[in-house]
All heavy atoms as atom14 arrays in JSON, in Angstrom:
{
  "sequence": "YIDADGSLDRLRKPSRGDLRAQASGPDLAALGAAFGASGLVASPFDTE",
  "atom14_mask": [
    [1, 1, 1, 1, 1, 1, 1, 1, 1, 1, 1, 1, 0, 0],
    [1, 1, 1, 1, 1, 1, 1, 1, 0, 0, 0, 0, 0, 0],
    [1, 1, 1, 1, 1, 1, 1, 1, 0, 0, 0, 0, 0, 0],
    [1, 1, 1, 1, 1, 0, 0, 0, 0, 0, 0, 0, 0, 0],
    [1, 1, 1, 1, 1, 1, 1, 1, 0, 0, 0, 0, 0, 0],
    [1, 1, 1, 1, 0, 0, 0, 0, 0, 0, 0, 0, 0, 0],
    [1, 1, 1, 1, 1, 1, 0, 0, 0, 0, 0, 0, 0, 0],
    [1, 1, 1, 1, 1, 1, 1, 1, 0, 0, 0, 0, 0, 0],
    [1, 1, 1, 1, 1, 1, 1, 1, 0, 0, 0, 0, 0, 0],
    [1, 1, 1, 1, 1, 1, 1, 1, 1, 1, 1, 0, 0, 0],
    [1, 1, 1, 1, 1, 1, 1, 1, 0, 0, 0, 0, 0, 0],
    [1, 1, 1, 1, 1, 1, 1, 1, 1, 1, 1, 0, 0, 0],
    [1, 1, 1, 1, 1, 1, 1, 1, 1, 0, 0, 0, 0, 0],
    [1, 1, 1, 1, 1, 1, 1, 0, 0, 0, 0, 0, 0, 0],
    [1, 1, 1, 1, 1, 1, 0, 0, 0, 0, 0, 0, 0, 0],
    [1, 1, 1, 1, 1, 1, 1, 1, 1, 1, 1, 0, 0, 0],
    [1, 1, 1, 1, 0, 0, 0, 0, 0, 0, 0, 0, 0, 0],
    [1, 1, 1, 1, 1, 1, 1, 1, 0, 0, 0, 0, 0, 0],
    [1, 1, 1, 1, 1, 1, 1, 1, 0, 0, 0, 0, 0, 0],
    [1, 1, 1, 1, 1, 1, 1, 1, 1, 1, 1, 0, 0, 0],
    [1, 1, 1, 1, 1, 0, 0, 0, 0, 0, 0, 0, 0, 0],
    [1, 1, 1, 1, 1, 1, 1, 1, 1, 0, 0, 0, 0, 0],
    [1, 1, 1, 1, 1, 0, 0, 0, 0, 0, 0, 0, 0, 0],
    [1, 1, 1, 1, 1, 1, 0, 0, 0, 0, 0, 0, 0, 0],
    [1, 1, 1, 1, 0, 0, 0, 0, 0, 0, 0, 0, 0, 0],
    [1, 1, 1, 1, 1, 1, 1, 0, 0, 0, 0, 0, 0, 0],
    [1, 1, 1, 1, 1, 1, 1, 1, 0, 0, 0, 0, 0, 0],
    [1, 1, 1, 1, 1, 1, 1, 1, 0, 0, 0, 0, 0, 0],
    [1, 1, 1, 1, 1, 0, 0, 0, 0, 0, 0, 0, 0, 0],
    [1, 1, 1, 1, 1, 0, 0, 0, 0, 0, 0, 0, 0, 0],
    [1, 1, 1, 1, 1, 1, 1, 1, 0, 0, 0, 0, 0, 0],
    [1, 1, 1, 1, 0, 0, 0, 0, 0, 0, 0, 0, 0, 0],
    [1, 1, 1, 1, 1, 0, 0, 0, 0, 0, 0, 0, 0, 0],
    [1, 1, 1, 1, 1, 0, 0, 0, 0, 0, 0, 0, 0, 0],
    [1, 1, 1, 1, 1, 1, 1, 1, 1, 1, 1, 0, 0, 0],
    [1, 1, 1, 1, 0, 0, 0, 0, 0, 0, 0, 0, 0, 0],
    [1, 1, 1, 1, 1, 0, 0, 0, 0, 0, 0, 0, 0, 0],
    [1, 1, 1, 1, 1, 1, 0, 0, 0, 0, 0, 0, 0, 0],
    [1, 1, 1, 1, 0, 0, 0, 0, 0, 0, 0, 0, 0, 0],
    [1, 1, 1, 1, 1, 1, 1, 1, 0, 0, 0, 0, 0, 0],
    [1, 1, 1, 1, 1, 1, 1, 0, 0, 0, 0, 0, 0, 0],
    [1, 1, 1, 1, 1, 0, 0, 0, 0, 0, 0, 0, 0, 0],
    [1, 1, 1, 1, 1, 1, 0, 0, 0, 0, 0, 0, 0, 0],
    [1, 1, 1, 1, 1, 1, 1, 0, 0, 0, 0, 0, 0, 0],
    [1, 1, 1, 1, 1, 1, 1, 1, 1, 1, 1, 0, 0, 0],
    [1, 1, 1, 1, 1, 1, 1, 1, 0, 0, 0, 0, 0, 0],
    [1, 1, 1, 1, 1, 1, 1, 0, 0, 0, 0, 0, 0, 0],
    [1, 1, 1, 1, 1, 1, 1, 1, 1, 0, 0, 0, 0, 0]
  ],
  "atom14_positions": [
    [[-0.29, -2.7, -9.59], [-0.72, -4.01, -9.1], [-0.56, -4.07, -7.59], [0.47, -3.64, -7.02], [0.12, -5.13, -9.73], [-0.32, -6.51, -9.3], [-1.49, -7.06, -9.78], [0.43, -7.23, -8.37], [-1.92, -8.32, -9.36], [0.02, -8.48, -7.94], [-1.16, -9.02, -8.44], [-1.57, -10.26, -8.01], [0.0, 0.0, 0.0], [0.0, 0.0, 0.0]],
    [[-1.58, -4.59, -6.92], [-1.58, -4.73, -5.47], [-1.96, -6.16, -5.12], [-3.0, -6.67, -5.58], [-2.56, -3.76, -4.79], [-2.24, -2.31, -5.16], [-2.54, -3.92, -3.28], [-3.29, -1.31, -4.69], [0.0, 0.0, 0.0], [0.0, 0.0, 0.0], [0.0, 0.0, 0.0], [0.0, 0.0, 0.0], [0.0, 0.0, 0.0], [0.0, 0.0, 0.0]],
    [[-1.14, -6.8, -4.31], [-1.43, -8.15, -3.84], [-1.33, -8.15, -2.31], [-0.33, -7.68, -1.76], [-0.43, -9.15, -4.43], [-0.68, -10.56, -3.93], [-1.72, -11.15, -4.28], [0.14, -11.06, -3.12], [0.0, 0.0, 0.0], [0.0, 0.0, 0.0], [0.0, 0.0, 0.0], [0.0, 0.0, 0.0], [0.0, 0.0, 0.0], [0.0, 0.0, 0.0]],
    [[-2.36, -8.64, -1.64], [-2.35, -8.61, -0.17], [-3.02, -9.84, 0.4], [-3.97, -10.38, -0.17], [-3.07, -7.34, 0.33], [0.0, 0.0, 0.0], [0.0, 0.0, 0.0], [0.0, 0.0, 0.0], [0.0, 0.0, 0.0], [0.0, 0.0, 0.0], [0.0, 0.0, 0.0], [0.0, 0.0, 0.0], [0.0, 0.0, 0.0], [0.0, 0.0, 0.0]],
    [[-2.51, -10.3, 1.55], [-3.08, -11.4, 2.3], [-2.98, -11.09, 3.77], [-2.08, -10.36, 4.2], [-2.34, -12.71, 2.01], [-2.75, -13.34, 0.7], [-3.88, -13.87, 0.62], [-1.95, -13.27, -0.26], [0.0, 0.0, 0.0], [0.0, 0.0, 0.0], [0.0, 0.0, 0.0], [0.0, 0.0, 0.0], [0.0, 0.0, 0.0], [0.0, 0.0, 0.0]],
    [[-3.91, -11.66, 4.54], [-3.82, -11.44, 5.97], [-4.98, -12.05, 6.71], [-5.91, -12.59, 6.12], [0.0, 0.0, 0.0], [0.0, 0.0, 0.0], [0.0, 0.0, 0.0], [0.0, 0.0, 0.0], [0.0, 0.0, 0.0], [0.0, 0.0, 0.0], [0.0, 0.0, 0.0], [0.0, 0.0, 0.0], [0.0, 0.0, 0.0], [0.0, 0.0, 0.0]],
    [[-4.91, -11.95, 8.04], [-5.97, -12.47, 8.9], [-6.25, -11.47, 10.01], [-5.32, -10.88, 10.57], [-5.58, -13.83, 9.52], [-5.43, -14.8, 8.51], [0.0, 0.0, 0.0], [0.0, 0.0, 0.0], [0.0, 0.0, 0.0], [0.0, 0.0, 0.0], [0.0, 0.0, 0.0], [0.0, 0.0, 0.0], [0.0, 0.0, 0.0], [0.0, 0.0, 0.0]],
    [[-7.54, -11.28, 10.32], [-7.96, -10.39, 11.4], [-8.99, -11.13, 12.25], [-9.8, -11.91, 11.73], [-8.58, -9.11, 10.85], [-7.72, -8.28, 9.89], [-8.56, -7.18, 9.26], [-6.54, -7.66, 10.65], [0.0, 0.0, 0.0], [0.0, 0.0, 0.0], [0.0, 0.0, 0.0], [0.0, 0.0, 0.0], [0.0, 0.0, 0.0], [0.0, 0.0, 0.0]],
    [[-8.97, -10.87, 13.56], [-9.96, -11.54, 14.4], [-11.37, -10.98, 14.17], [-12.36, -11.67, 14.38], [-9.57, -11.44, 15.88], [-9.51, -10.0, 16.37], [-9.37, -9.1, 15.52], [-9.58, -9.78, 17.59], [0.0, 0.0, 0.0], [0.0, 0.0, 0.0], [0.0, 0.0, 0.0], [0.0, 0.0, 0.0], [0.0, 0.0, 0.0], [0.0, 0.0, 0.0]],
    [[-11.46, -9.75, 13.72], [-12.73, -9.11, 13.4], [-12.46, -7.93, 12.48], [-11.42, -7.3, 12.55], [-13.46, -8.66, 14.67], [-12.62, -7.83, 15.58], [-13.18, -7.77, 16.98], [-14.3, -6.85, 17.08], [-15.01, -6.66, 18.18], [-14.75, -7.36, 19.26], [-15.99, -5.8, 18.22], [0.0, 0.0, 0.0], [0.0, 0.0, 0.0], [0.0, 0.0, 0.0]],
    [[-13.42, -7.6, 11.61], [-13.23, -6.52, 10.67], [-13.45, -5.16, 11.31], [-12.89, -4.17, 10.85], [-14.19, -6.69, 9.48], [-13.99, -7.96, 8.63], [-14.99, -7.99, 7.5], [-12.58, -8.06, 8.11], [0.0, 0.0, 0.0], [0.0, 0.0, 0.0], [0.0, 0.0, 0.0], [0.0, 0.0, 0.0], [0.0, 0.0, 0.0], [0.0, 0.0, 0.0]],
    [[-14.25, -5.09, 12.35], [-14.5, -3.84, 13.04], [-13.65, -3.78, 14.31], [-13.79, -4.62, 15.18], [-15.99, -3.71, 13.38], [-16.34, -2.4, 14.06], [-17.81, -2.32, 14.36], [-18.16, -1.07, 15.01], [-19.39, -0.74, 15.4], [-20.38, -1.59, 15.23], [-19.62, 0.41, 15.99], [0.0, 0.0, 0.0], [0.0, 0.0, 0.0], [0.0, 0.0, 0.0]],
    [[-12.77, -2.79, 14.39], [-11.89, -2.62, 15.54], [-11.14, -3.92, 15.87], [-11.3, -4.46, 16.97], [-12.65, -2.11, 16.75], [-13.26, -0.74, 16.56], [-13.97, -0.25, 17.83], [-14.56, 1.13, 17.64], [-15.27, 1.62, 18.86], [0.0, 0.0, 0.0], [0.0, 0.0, 0.0], [0.0, 0.0, 0.0], [0.0, 0.0, 0.0], [0.0, 0.0, 0.0]],
    [[-10.35, -4.46, 14.94], [-9.63, -5.71, 15.22], [-8.63, -5.55, 16.35], [-8.07, -4.48, 16.57], [-8.94, -6.01, 13.9], [-8.78, -4.67, 13.25], [-10.01, -3.91, 13.63], [0.0, 0.0, 0.0], [0.0, 0.0, 0.0], [0.0, 0.0, 0.0], [0.0, 0.0, 0.0], [0.0, 0.0, 0.0], [0.0, 0.0, 0.0], [0.0, 0.0, 0.0]],
    [[-8.4, -6.63, 17.11], [-7.47, -6.59, 18.23], [-6.22, -7.44, 17.97], [-5.22, -7.3, 18.68], [-8.17, -7.08, 19.51], [-8.61, -8.41, 19.34], [0.0, 0.0, 0.0], [0.0, 0.0, 0.0], [0.0, 0.0, 0.0], [0.0, 0.0, 0.0], [0.0, 0.0, 0.0], [0.0, 0.0, 0.0], [0.0, 0.0, 0.0], [0.0, 0.0, 0.0]],
    [[-6.25, -8.32, 16.97], [-5.06, -9.07, 16.62], [-5.16, -9.51, 15.16], [-6.25, -9.7, 14.62], [-4.87, -10.28, 17.52], [-6.01, -11.28, 17.51], [-5.83, -12.33, 18.59], [-6.99, -13.21, 18.66], [-7.1, -14.34, 17.97], [-6.13, -14.72, 17.15], [-8.17, -15.09, 18.1], [0.0, 0.0, 0.0], [0.0, 0.0, 0.0], [0.0, 0.0, 0.0]],
    [[-4.0, -9.66, 14.56], [-3.98, -10.08, 13.17], [-2.64, -9.85, 12.53], [-1.68, -9.38, 13.16], [0.0, 0.0, 0.0], [0.0, 0.0, 0.0], [0.0, 0.0, 0.0], [0.0, 0.0, 0.0], [0.0, 0.0, 0.0], [0.0, 0.0, 0.0], [0.0, 0.0, 0.0], [0.0, 0.0, 0.0], [0.0, 0.0, 0.0], [0.0, 0.0, 0.0]],
    [[-2.54, -10.21, 11.26], [-1.31, -9.98, 10.48], [-1.7, -9.7, 9.03], [-2.7, -10.22, 8.52], [-0.4, -11.21, 10.56], [-1.05, -12.45, 9.96], [-0.9, -12.69, 8.75], [-1.75, -13.17, 10.71], [0.0, 0.0, 0.0], [0.0, 0.0, 0.0], [0.0, 0.0, 0.0], [0.0, 0.0, 0.0], [0.0, 0.0, 0.0], [0.0, 0.0, 0.0]],
    [[-0.94, -8.83, 8.4], [-1.18, -8.43, 7.02], [0.13, -8.37, 6.26], [1.16, -7.97, 6.82], [-1.85, -7.05, 6.96], [-3.26, -6.91, 7.55], [-3.65, -5.44, 7.62], [-4.28, -7.69, 6.72], [0.0, 0.0, 0.0], [0.0, 0.0, 0.0], [0.0, 0.0, 0.0], [0.0, 0.0, 0.0], [0.0, 0.0, 0.0], [0.0, 0.0, 0.0]],
    [[0.09, -8.75, 4.98], [1.22, -8.61, 4.08], [0.72, -8.05, 2.77], [-0.28, -8.51, 2.25], [1.88, -9.98, 3.83], [3.07, -9.92, 2.88], [3.32, -11.24, 2.22], [2.19, -11.7, 1.46], [1.9, -11.29, 0.23], [2.65, -10.35, -0.37], [0.85, -11.77, -0.41], [0.0, 0.0, 0.0], [0.0, 0.0, 0.0], [0.0, 0.0, 0.0]],
    [[1.39, -7.03, 2.27], [0.95, -6.4, 1.03], [2.15, -6.07, 0.15], [3.22, -5.69, 0.64], [0.15, -5.12, 1.33], [0.0, 0.0, 0.0], [0.0, 0.0, 0.0], [0.0, 0.0, 0.0], [0.0, 0.0, 0.0], [0.0, 0.0, 0.0], [0.0, 0.0, 0.0], [0.0, 0.0, 0.0], [0.0, 0.0, 0.0], [0.0, 0.0, 0.0]],
    [[1.96, -6.22, -1.13], [2.99, -5.87, -2.12], [2.34, -5.03, -3.22], [1.25, -5.33, -3.67], [3.61, -7.13, -2.73], [4.73, -6.83, -3.72], [5.38, -8.09, -4.26], [4.92, -9.18, -3.96], [6.44, -7.92, -5.03], [0.0, 0.0, 0.0], [0.0, 0.0, 0.0], [0.0, 0.0, 0.0], [0.0, 0.0, 0.0], [0.0, 0.0, 0.0]],
    [[3.0, -3.96, -3.6], [2.47, -3.07, -4.63], [3.58, -2.66, -5.59], [4.73, -2.46, -5.19], [1.86, -1.81, -3.99], [0.0, 0.0, 0.0], [0.0, 0.0, 0.0], [0.0, 0.0, 0.0], [0.0, 0.0, 0.0], [0.0, 0.0, 0.0], [0.0, 0.0, 0.0], [0.0, 0.0, 0.0], [0.0, 0.0, 0.0], [0.0, 0.0, 0.0]],
    [[3.24, -2.57, -6.86], [4.21, -2.12, -7.88], [3.44, -1.29, -8.91], [2.25, -1.51, -9.16], [4.87, -3.31, -8.56], [3.91, -4.15, -9.19], [0.0, 0.0, 0.0], [0.0, 0.0, 0.0], [0.0, 0.0, 0.0], [0.0, 0.0, 0.0], [0.0, 0.0, 0.0], [0.0, 0.0, 0.0], [0.0, 0.0, 0.0], [0.0, 0.0, 0.0]],
    [[4.13, -0.3, -9.47], [3.47, 0.56, -10.44], [4.47, 1.42, -11.19], [5.67, 1.4, -10.91], [0.0, 0.0, 0.0], [0.0, 0.0, 0.0], [0.0, 0.0, 0.0], [0.0, 0.0, 0.0], [0.0, 0.0, 0.0], [0.0, 0.0, 0.0], [0.0, 0.0, 0.0], [0.0, 0.0, 0.0], [0.0, 0.0, 0.0], [0.0, 0.0, 0.0]],
    [[3.97, 2.19, -12.15], [4.86, 2.95, -13.04], [5.26, 4.31, -12.53], [6.23, 4.88, -13.0], [4.03, 3.07, -14.32], [2.62, 3.11, -13.82], [2.58, 2.24, -12.59], [0.0, 0.0, 0.0], [0.0, 0.0, 0.0], [0.0, 0.0, 0.0], [0.0, 0.0, 0.0], [0.0, 0.0, 0.0], [0.0, 0.0, 0.0], [0.0, 0.0, 0.0]],
    [[4.52, 4.9, -11.55], [4.76, 6.29, -11.18], [4.47, 6.5, -9.7], [3.32, 6.64, -9.3], [3.9, 7.22, -12.03], [4.31, 8.68, -11.91], [4.96, 9.02, -10.91], [3.96, 9.47, -12.79], [0.0, 0.0, 0.0], [0.0, 0.0, 0.0], [0.0, 0.0, 0.0], [0.0, 0.0, 0.0], [0.0, 0.0, 0.0], [0.0, 0.0, 0.0]],
    [[5.51, 6.54, -8.88], [5.35, 6.71, -7.43], [4.83, 8.12, -7.11], [4.01, 8.27, -6.19], [6.68, 6.48, -6.73], [6.67, 6.6, -5.2], [5.7, 5.58, -4.6], [8.07, 6.42, -4.64], [0.0, 0.0, 0.0], [0.0, 0.0, 0.0], [0.0, 0.0, 0.0], [0.0, 0.0, 0.0], [0.0, 0.0, 0.0], [0.0, 0.0, 0.0]],
    [[5.25, 9.13, -7.84], [4.82, 10.5, -7.57], [3.31, 10.64, -7.78], [2.62, 11.31, -7.0], [5.58, 11.48, -8.45], [0.0, 0.0, 0.0], [0.0, 0.0, 0.0], [0.0, 0.0, 0.0], [0.0, 0.0, 0.0], [0.0, 0.0, 0.0], [0.0, 0.0, 0.0], [0.0, 0.0, 0.0], [0.0, 0.0, 0.0], [0.0, 0.0, 0.0]],
    [[2.79, 10.03, -8.87], [1.35, 10.11, -9.14], [0.56, 9.38, -8.07], [-0.51, 9.84, -7.65], [1.05, 9.52, -10.52], [0.0, 0.0, 0.0], [0.0, 0.0, 0.0], [0.0, 0.0, 0.0], [0.0, 0.0, 0.0], [0.0, 0.0, 0.0], [0.0, 0.0, 0.0], [0.0, 0.0, 0.0], [0.0, 0.0, 0.0], [0.0, 0.0, 0.0]],
    [[1.06, 8.24, -7.6], [0.38, 7.5, -6.54], [0.36, 8.32, -5.24], [-0.65, 8.4, -4.55], [1.06, 6.15, -6.31], [0.47, 5.28, -5.2], [-0.95, 4.87, -5.56], [1.33, 4.04, -4.97], [0.0, 0.0, 0.0], [0.0, 0.0, 0.0], [0.0, 0.0, 0.0], [0.0, 0.0, 0.0], [0.0, 0.0, 0.0], [0.0, 0.0, 0.0]],
    [[1.49, 8.96, -4.93], [1.55, 9.79, -3.72], [0.61, 10.97, -3.8], [-0.03, 11.33, -2.81], [0.0, 0.0, 0.0], [0.0, 0.0, 0.0], [0.0, 0.0, 0.0], [0.0, 0.0, 0.0], [0.0, 0.0, 0.0], [0.0, 0.0, 0.0], [0.0, 0.0, 0.0], [0.0, 0.0, 0.0], [0.0, 0.0, 0.0], [0.0, 0.0, 0.0]],
    [[0.5, 11.57, -5.01], [-0.39, 12.72, -5.17], [-1.83, 12.35, -4.92], [-2.64, 13.15, -4.43], [-0.23, 13.31, -6.56], [0.0, 0.0, 0.0], [0.0, 0.0, 0.0], [0.0, 0.0, 0.0], [0.0, 0.0, 0.0], [0.0, 0.0, 0.0], [0.0, 0.0, 0.0], [0.0, 0.0, 0.0], [0.0, 0.0, 0.0], [0.0, 0.0, 0.0]],
    [[-2.21, 11.08, -5.25], [-3.58, 10.64, -5.03], [-3.92, 10.59, -3.54], [-5.08, 10.7, -3.16], [-3.77, 9.25, -5.64], [0.0, 0.0, 0.0], [0.0, 0.0, 0.0], [0.0, 0.0, 0.0], [0.0, 0.0, 0.0], [0.0, 0.0, 0.0], [0.0, 0.0, 0.0], [0.0, 0.0, 0.0], [0.0, 0.0, 0.0], [0.0, 0.0, 0.0]],
    [[-2.87, 10.44, -2.7], [-3.09, 10.4, -1.25], [-2.61, 11.68, -0.56], [-2.46, 11.73, 0.65], [-2.36, 9.2, -0.65], [-2.94, 7.88, -1.05], [-2.44, 7.19, -2.14], [-4.02, 7.35, -0.36], [-2.97, 5.97, -2.52], [-4.58, 6.13, -0.74], [-4.05, 5.44, -1.82], [0.0, 0.0, 0.0], [0.0, 0.0, 0.0], [0.0, 0.0, 0.0]],
    [[-2.34, 12.72, -1.35], [-1.97, 14.01, -0.78], [-0.5, 14.11, -0.38], [-0.12, 15.02, 0.35], [0.0, 0.0, 0.0], [0.0, 0.0, 0.0], [0.0, 0.0, 0.0], [0.0, 0.0, 0.0], [0.0, 0.0, 0.0], [0.0, 0.0, 0.0], [0.0, 0.0, 0.0], [0.0, 0.0, 0.0], [0.0, 0.0, 0.0], [0.0, 0.0, 0.0]],
    [[0.34, 13.2, -0.87], [1.77, 13.24, -0.54], [2.54, 13.82, -1.73], [2.33, 13.43, -2.88], [2.29, 11.84, -0.23], [0.0, 0.0, 0.0], [0.0, 0.0, 0.0], [0.0, 0.0, 0.0], [0.0, 0.0, 0.0], [0.0, 0.0, 0.0], [0.0, 0.0, 0.0], [0.0, 0.0, 0.0], [0.0, 0.0, 0.0], [0.0, 0.0, 0.0]],
    [[3.43, 14.78, -1.44], [4.2, 15.42, -2.5], [5.7, 15.16, -2.29], [6.12, 14.68, -1.24], [3.93, 16.93, -2.52], [4.26, 17.5, -1.27], [0.0, 0.0, 0.0], [0.0, 0.0, 0.0], [0.0, 0.0, 0.0], [0.0, 0.0, 0.0], [0.0, 0.0, 0.0], [0.0, 0.0, 0.0], [0.0, 0.0, 0.0], [0.0, 0.0, 0.0]],
    [[6.5, 15.48, -3.31], [7.94, 15.35, -3.19], [8.48, 13.98, -3.5], [9.67, 13.71, -3.31], [0.0, 0.0, 0.0], [0.0, 0.0, 0.0], [0.0, 0.0, 0.0], [0.0, 0.0, 0.0], [0.0, 0.0, 0.0], [0.0, 0.0, 0.0], [0.0, 0.0, 0.0], [0.0, 0.0, 0.0], [0.0, 0.0, 0.0], [0.0, 0.0, 0.0]],
    [[7.63, 13.06, -4.01], [8.08, 11.72, -4.35], [8.63, 11.68, -5.78], [8.3, 12.52, -6.61], [6.93, 10.72, -4.2], [6.31, 10.63, -2.81], [5.14, 9.66, -2.8], [7.35, 10.21, -1.79], [0.0, 0.0, 0.0], [0.0, 0.0, 0.0], [0.0, 0.0, 0.0], [0.0, 0.0, 0.0], [0.0, 0.0, 0.0], [0.0, 0.0, 0.0]],
    [[9.46, 10.7, -6.03], [10.14, 10.59, -7.34], [9.17, 9.99, -8.36], [8.51, 8.98, -8.08], [11.4, 9.72, -7.23], [12.07, 9.59, -8.58], [12.35, 10.31, -6.21], [0.0, 0.0, 0.0], [0.0, 0.0, 0.0], [0.0, 0.0, 0.0], [0.0, 0.0, 0.0], [0.0, 0.0, 0.0], [0.0, 0.0, 0.0], [0.0, 0.0, 0.0]],
    [[9.11, 10.59, -9.53], [8.22, 10.11, -10.59], [8.92, 8.97, -11.33], [9.43, 9.13, -12.45], [7.87, 11.24, -11.55], [0.0, 0.0, 0.0], [0.0, 0.0, 0.0], [0.0, 0.0, 0.0], [0.0, 0.0, 0.0], [0.0, 0.0, 0.0], [0.0, 0.0, 0.0], [0.0, 0.0, 0.0], [0.0, 0.0, 0.0], [0.0, 0.0, 0.0]],
    [[8.95, 7.79, -10.74], [9.63, 6.63, -11.33], [8.89, 5.36, -10.91], [8.08, 5.37, -9.96], [11.08, 6.58, -10.86], [11.14, 6.39, -9.45], [0.0, 0.0, 0.0], [0.0, 0.0, 0.0], [0.0, 0.0, 0.0], [0.0, 0.0, 0.0], [0.0, 0.0, 0.0], [0.0, 0.0, 0.0], [0.0, 0.0, 0.0], [0.0, 0.0, 0.0]],
    [[9.14, 4.25, -11.61], [8.49, 2.97, -11.23], [8.88, 2.58, -9.81], [9.94, 2.96, -9.31], [9.04, 1.99, -12.26], [9.44, 2.83, -13.43], [9.94, 4.11, -12.84], [0.0, 0.0, 0.0], [0.0, 0.0, 0.0], [0.0, 0.0, 0.0], [0.0, 0.0, 0.0], [0.0, 0.0, 0.0], [0.0, 0.0, 0.0], [0.0, 0.0, 0.0]],
    [[8.03, 1.8, -9.14], [8.29, 1.41, -7.77], [7.82, -0.02, -7.52], [6.97, -0.55, -8.22], [7.6, 2.36, -6.79], [6.1, 2.31, -6.86], [5.37, 1.47, -6.01], [5.4, 3.08, -7.78], [3.99, 1.41, -6.08], [4.02, 3.03, -7.84], [3.31, 2.19, -7.01], [0.0, 0.0, 0.0], [0.0, 0.0, 0.0], [0.0, 0.0, 0.0]],
    [[8.39, -0.63, -6.51], [8.01, -1.98, -6.07], [8.27, -2.03, -4.57], [9.41, -1.87, -4.13], [8.84, -3.04, -6.79], [8.31, -4.45, -6.53], [7.48, -4.6, -5.62], [8.72, -5.38, -7.23], [0.0, 0.0, 0.0], [0.0, 0.0, 0.0], [0.0, 0.0, 0.0], [0.0, 0.0, 0.0], [0.0, 0.0, 0.0], [0.0, 0.0, 0.0]],
    [[7.21, -2.19, -3.78], [7.36, -2.13, -2.33], [6.59, -3.25, -1.66], [5.6, -3.74, -2.2], [6.89, -0.77, -1.79], [7.12, -0.71, -0.39], [5.41, -0.57, -2.05], [0.0, 0.0, 0.0], [0.0, 0.0, 0.0], [0.0, 0.0, 0.0], [0.0, 0.0, 0.0], [0.0, 0.0, 0.0], [0.0, 0.0, 0.0], [0.0, 0.0, 0.0]],
    [[7.04, -3.65, -0.49], [6.39, -4.71, 0.27], [6.3, -4.29, 1.73], [7.24, -3.74, 2.28], [7.12, -6.03, 0.14], [6.41, -7.19, 0.82], [7.06, -8.52, 0.54], [7.84, -8.6, -0.44], [6.78, -9.49, 1.27], [0.0, 0.0, 0.0], [0.0, 0.0, 0.0], [0.0, 0.0, 0.0], [0.0, 0.0, 0.0], [0.0, 0.0, 0.0]]
  ]
}
């Protein structure tokens, strides 16, 4: 699950803004592997 909110002055090459995102899931290692990151723990995660 991913929940995010924020504001940007423009979508292309923004110069100011703020973002907040929260993500939770069952397997951090599998999520990392999808982005080419290895060595992460295969356990549930919750991050903000």
